[in-house]
Amino acid sequence: MAIPDENIHPTTTGNAAKTVAEHQVKEDLVFYSGWFCPFNQHVWISLEEKGIQYQYKEVNPYKKEKHFLDINPKGLIPTIEYQGKALYELLVLCKFLEEAYPNHKPHLLPADPF
């Protein structure tokens, strides 16, 4: 039995492909993403809006690399690897970006939780 969506286009296209091409240089922050996932889009837009330097790595949901599963045993995307540590879950990542890069603006989360 075939895996659903296994033949979906494996990489970004159009303007997203241009952005990916600009973020292939090794950086302290590695963003593991799948172009097809709306949760990834949220983190990706946050990285771009804040002007944070990152390296983009596309994750094939059907053929995950060993290193990716080593840092994230659940195999979830989006994932950020920063200074040898990994974080995942959309809201955790967005909060991390605000706290780890306080001088990168605009701030995308409110300073006051109310």
C-alpha atoms as a PDB file:
ATOM      1  CA  MET A   1       0.000   0.000   0.000  1.00  0.00           C
ATOM      2  CA  ALA A   2       1.362   3.405  -0.984  1.00  0.00           C
ATOM      3  CA  ILE A   3       2.004   6.073   1.633  1.00  0.00           C
ATOM      4  CA  PRO A   4      -0.436   8.989   1.235  1.00  0.00           C
ATOM      5  CA  ASP A   5       1.231  12.087  -0.228  1.00  0.00           C
ATOM      6  CA  GLU A   6       4.525  10.209  -0.717  1.00  0.00           C
ATOM      7  CA  ASN A   7       4.850  11.702  -4.181  1.00  0.00           C
ATOM      8  CA  ILE A   8       4.151  15.284  -3.103  1.00  0.00           C
ATOM      9  CA  HIS A   9       6.772  17.710  -4.444  1.00  0.00           C
ATOM     10  CA  PRO A  10       9.782  17.114  -2.142  1.00  0.00           C
ATOM     11  CA  THR A  11      11.158  20.646  -2.003  1.00  0.00           C
ATOM     12  CA  THR A  12      10.094  24.261  -1.996  1.00  0.00           C
ATOM     13  CA  THR A  13       9.254  26.081  -5.203  1.00  0.00           C
ATOM     14  CA  GLY A  14       8.862  29.695  -6.349  1.00  0.00           C
ATOM     15  CA  ASN A  15       9.743  32.483  -3.904  1.00  0.00           C
ATOM     16  CA  ALA A  16      10.125  29.999  -1.053  1.00  0.00           C
ATOM     17  CA  ALA A  17      12.854  28.214  -3.025  1.00  0.00           C
ATOM     18  CA  LYS A  18      14.720  31.518  -3.363  1.00  0.00           C
ATOM     19  CA  THR A  19      14.546  32.032   0.410  1.00  0.00           C
ATOM     20  CA  VAL A  20      15.774  28.484   1.023  1.00  0.00           C
ATOM     21  CA  ALA A  21      18.702  29.047  -1.368  1.00  0.00           C
ATOM     22  CA  GLU A  22      19.703  32.132   0.652  1.00  0.00           C
ATOM     23  CA  HIS A  23      19.875  30.072   3.873  1.00  0.00           C
ATOM     24  CA  GLN A  24      22.139  27.145   3.014  1.00  0.00           C
ATOM     25  CA  VAL A  25      25.248  28.512   4.747  1.00  0.00           C
ATOM     26  CA  LYS A  26      26.087  26.922   8.104  1.00  0.00           C
ATOM     27  CA  GLU A  27      24.724  29.028  10.981  1.00  0.00           C
ATOM     28  CA  ASP A  28      24.417  28.619  14.762  1.00  0.00           C
ATOM     29  CA  LEU A  29      20.669  28.182  14.340  1.00  0.00           C
ATOM     30  CA  VAL A  30      19.435  25.386  12.074  1.00  0.00           C
ATOM     31  CA  PHE A  31      15.764  25.433  11.083  1.00  0.00           C
ATOM     32  CA  TYR A  32      14.411  21.991  10.150  1.00  0.00           C
ATOM     33  CA  SER A  33      11.286  22.447   8.117  1.00  0.00           C
ATOM     34  CA  GLY A  34       8.892  20.989   5.644  1.00  0.00           C
ATOM     35  CA  TRP A  35       7.654  23.581   3.191  1.00  0.00           C
ATOM     36  CA  PHE A  36       4.200  21.980   3.114  1.00  0.00           C
ATOM     37  CA  CYS A  37       3.390  22.428   6.813  1.00  0.00           C
ATOM     38  CA  PRO A  38       1.553  25.539   8.086  1.00  0.00           C
ATOM     39  CA  PHE A  39       3.229  25.224  11.509  1.00  0.00           C
ATOM     40  CA  ASN A  40       6.604  25.562   9.807  1.00  0.00           C
ATOM     41  CA  GLN A  41       5.395  28.618   7.935  1.00  0.00           C
ATOM     42  CA  HIS A  42       4.720  30.409  11.223  1.00  0.00           C
ATOM     43  CA  VAL A  43       8.263  29.874  12.528  1.00  0.00           C
ATOM     44  CA  TRP A  44       9.790  30.550   9.107  1.00  0.00           C
ATOM     45  CA  ILE A  45       7.995  33.889   8.825  1.00  0.00           C
ATOM     46  CA  SER A  46       9.133  34.770  12.364  1.00  0.00           C
ATOM     47  CA  LEU A  47      12.773  34.064  11.444  1.00  0.00           C
ATOM     48  CA  GLU A  48      12.484  36.192   8.317  1.00  0.00           C
ATOM     49  CA  GLU A  49      10.618  39.085   9.949  1.00  0.00           C
ATOM     50  CA  LYS A  50      13.100  39.277  12.816  1.00  0.00           C
ATOM     51  CA  GLY A  51      16.089  39.028  10.456  1.00  0.00           C
ATOM     52  CA  ILE A  52      17.637  36.107  12.344  1.00  0.00           C
ATOM     53  CA  GLN A  53      20.434  34.259  10.549  1.00  0.00           C
ATOM     54  CA  TYR A  54      19.622  30.572  10.131  1.00  0.00           C
ATOM     55  CA  GLN A  55      20.439  27.551   8.049  1.00  0.00           C
ATOM     56  CA  TYR A  56      17.427  25.922   6.392  1.00  0.00           C
ATOM     57  CA  LYS A  57      17.204  22.136   6.201  1.00  0.00           C
ATOM     58  CA  GLU A  58      14.276  20.492   4.440  1.00  0.00           C
ATOM     59  CA  VAL A  59      12.889  17.387   6.167  1.00  0.00           C
ATOM     60  CA  ASN A  60      11.299  14.702   4.052  1.00  0.00           C
ATOM     61  CA  PRO A  61       8.482  13.365   6.259  1.00  0.00           C
ATOM     62  CA  TYR A  62       8.854   9.890   4.763  1.00  0.00           C
ATOM     63  CA  LYS A  63      12.658   9.630   4.888  1.00  0.00           C
ATOM     64  CA  LYS A  64      13.916  11.414   8.003  1.00  0.00           C
ATOM     65  CA  GLU A  65      17.688  11.536   8.429  1.00  0.00           C
ATOM     66  CA  LYS A  66      19.354   9.887  11.431  1.00  0.00           C
ATOM     67  CA  HIS A  67      20.741  13.171  12.835  1.00  0.00           C
ATOM     68  CA  PHE A  68      17.287  14.730  12.759  1.00  0.00           C
ATOM     69  CA  LEU A  69      15.800  11.789  14.673  1.00  0.00           C
ATOM     70  CA  ASP A  70      18.734  11.864  17.109  1.00  0.00           C
ATOM     71  CA  ILE A  71      17.979  15.478  18.081  1.00  0.00           C
ATOM     72  CA  ASN A  72      14.202  15.043  17.843  1.00  0.00           C
ATOM     73  CA  PRO A  73      13.096  11.452  18.513  1.00  0.00           C
ATOM     74  CA  LYS A  74       9.466  12.333  17.745  1.00  0.00           C
ATOM     75  CA  GLY A  75      10.542  13.495  14.282  1.00  0.00           C
ATOM     76  CA  LEU A  76       8.375  16.597  14.492  1.00  0.00           C
ATOM     77  CA  ILE A  77       8.759  19.687  12.373  1.00  0.00           C
ATOM     78  CA  PRO A  78       9.326  22.533  12.799  1.00  0.00           C
ATOM     79  CA  THR A  79      12.488  21.995  14.833  1.00  0.00           C
ATOM     80  CA  ILE A  80      15.304  24.360  15.702  1.00  0.00           C
ATOM     81  CA  GLU A  81      18.782  23.188  16.613  1.00  0.00           C
ATOM     82  CA  TYR A  82      20.749  25.873  18.423  1.00  0.00           C
ATOM     83  CA  GLN A  83      24.191  25.400  19.963  1.00  0.00           C
ATOM     84  CA  GLY A  84      23.786  21.626  20.031  1.00  0.00           C
ATOM     85  CA  LYS A  85      20.319  21.648  21.593  1.00  0.00           C
ATOM     86  CA  ALA A  86      17.013  21.040  19.871  1.00  0.00           C
ATOM     87  CA  LEU A  87      13.591  22.555  20.396  1.00  0.00           C
ATOM     88  CA  TYR A  88      10.309  21.771  18.718  1.00  0.00           C
ATOM     89  CA  GLU A  89       6.636  22.693  18.991  1.00  0.00           C
ATOM     90  CA  LEU A  90       5.435  25.872  17.315  1.00  0.00           C
ATOM     91  CA  LEU A  91       4.748  28.056  20.362  1.00  0.00           C
ATOM     92  CA  VAL A  92       7.949  26.979  22.130  1.00  0.00           C
ATOM     93  CA  LEU A  93       9.955  27.935  19.045  1.00  0.00           C
ATOM     94  CA  CYS A  94       8.324  31.345  18.683  1.00  0.00           C
ATOM     95  CA  LYS A  95       8.916  32.132  22.361  1.00  0.00           C
ATOM     96  CA  PHE A  96      12.514  30.941  22.058  1.00  0.00           C
ATOM     97  CA  LEU A  97      13.149  33.260  19.103  1.00  0.00           C
ATOM     98  CA  GLU A  98      11.821  36.228  21.087  1.00  0.00           C
ATOM     99  CA  GLU A  99      13.939  35.422  24.154  1.00  0.00           C
ATOM    100  CA  ALA A 100      17.155  34.272  22.445  1.00  0.00           C
ATOM    101  CA  TYR A 101      17.166  37.224  20.020  1.00  0.00           C
ATOM    102  CA  PRO A 102      15.775  40.156  22.032  1.00  0.00           C
ATOM    103  CA  ASN A 103      17.487  42.775  19.851  1.00  0.00           C
ATOM    104  CA  HIS A 104      15.951  41.460  16.632  1.00  0.00           C
ATOM    105  CA  LYS A 105      12.789  43.396  15.882  1.00  0.00           C
ATOM    106  CA  PRO A 106       9.905  43.500  15.423  1.00  0.00           C
ATOM    107  CA  HIS A 107       8.818  41.700  18.572  1.00  0.00           C
ATOM    108  CA  LEU A 108       6.194  39.240  17.465  1.00  0.00           C
ATOM    109  CA  LEU A 109       4.886  38.297  20.904  1.00  0.00           C
ATOM    110  CA  PRO A 110       3.466  40.796  23.398  1.00  0.00           C
ATOM    111  CA  ALA A 111       5.645  41.855  26.324  1.00  0.00           C
ATOM    112  CA  ASP A 112       2.584  41.772  28.606  1.00  0.00           C
ATOM    113  CA  PRO A 113       0.790  38.394  28.694  1.00  0.00           C
ATOM    114  CA  PHE A 114      -2.534  40.185  29.223  1.00  0.00           C
END
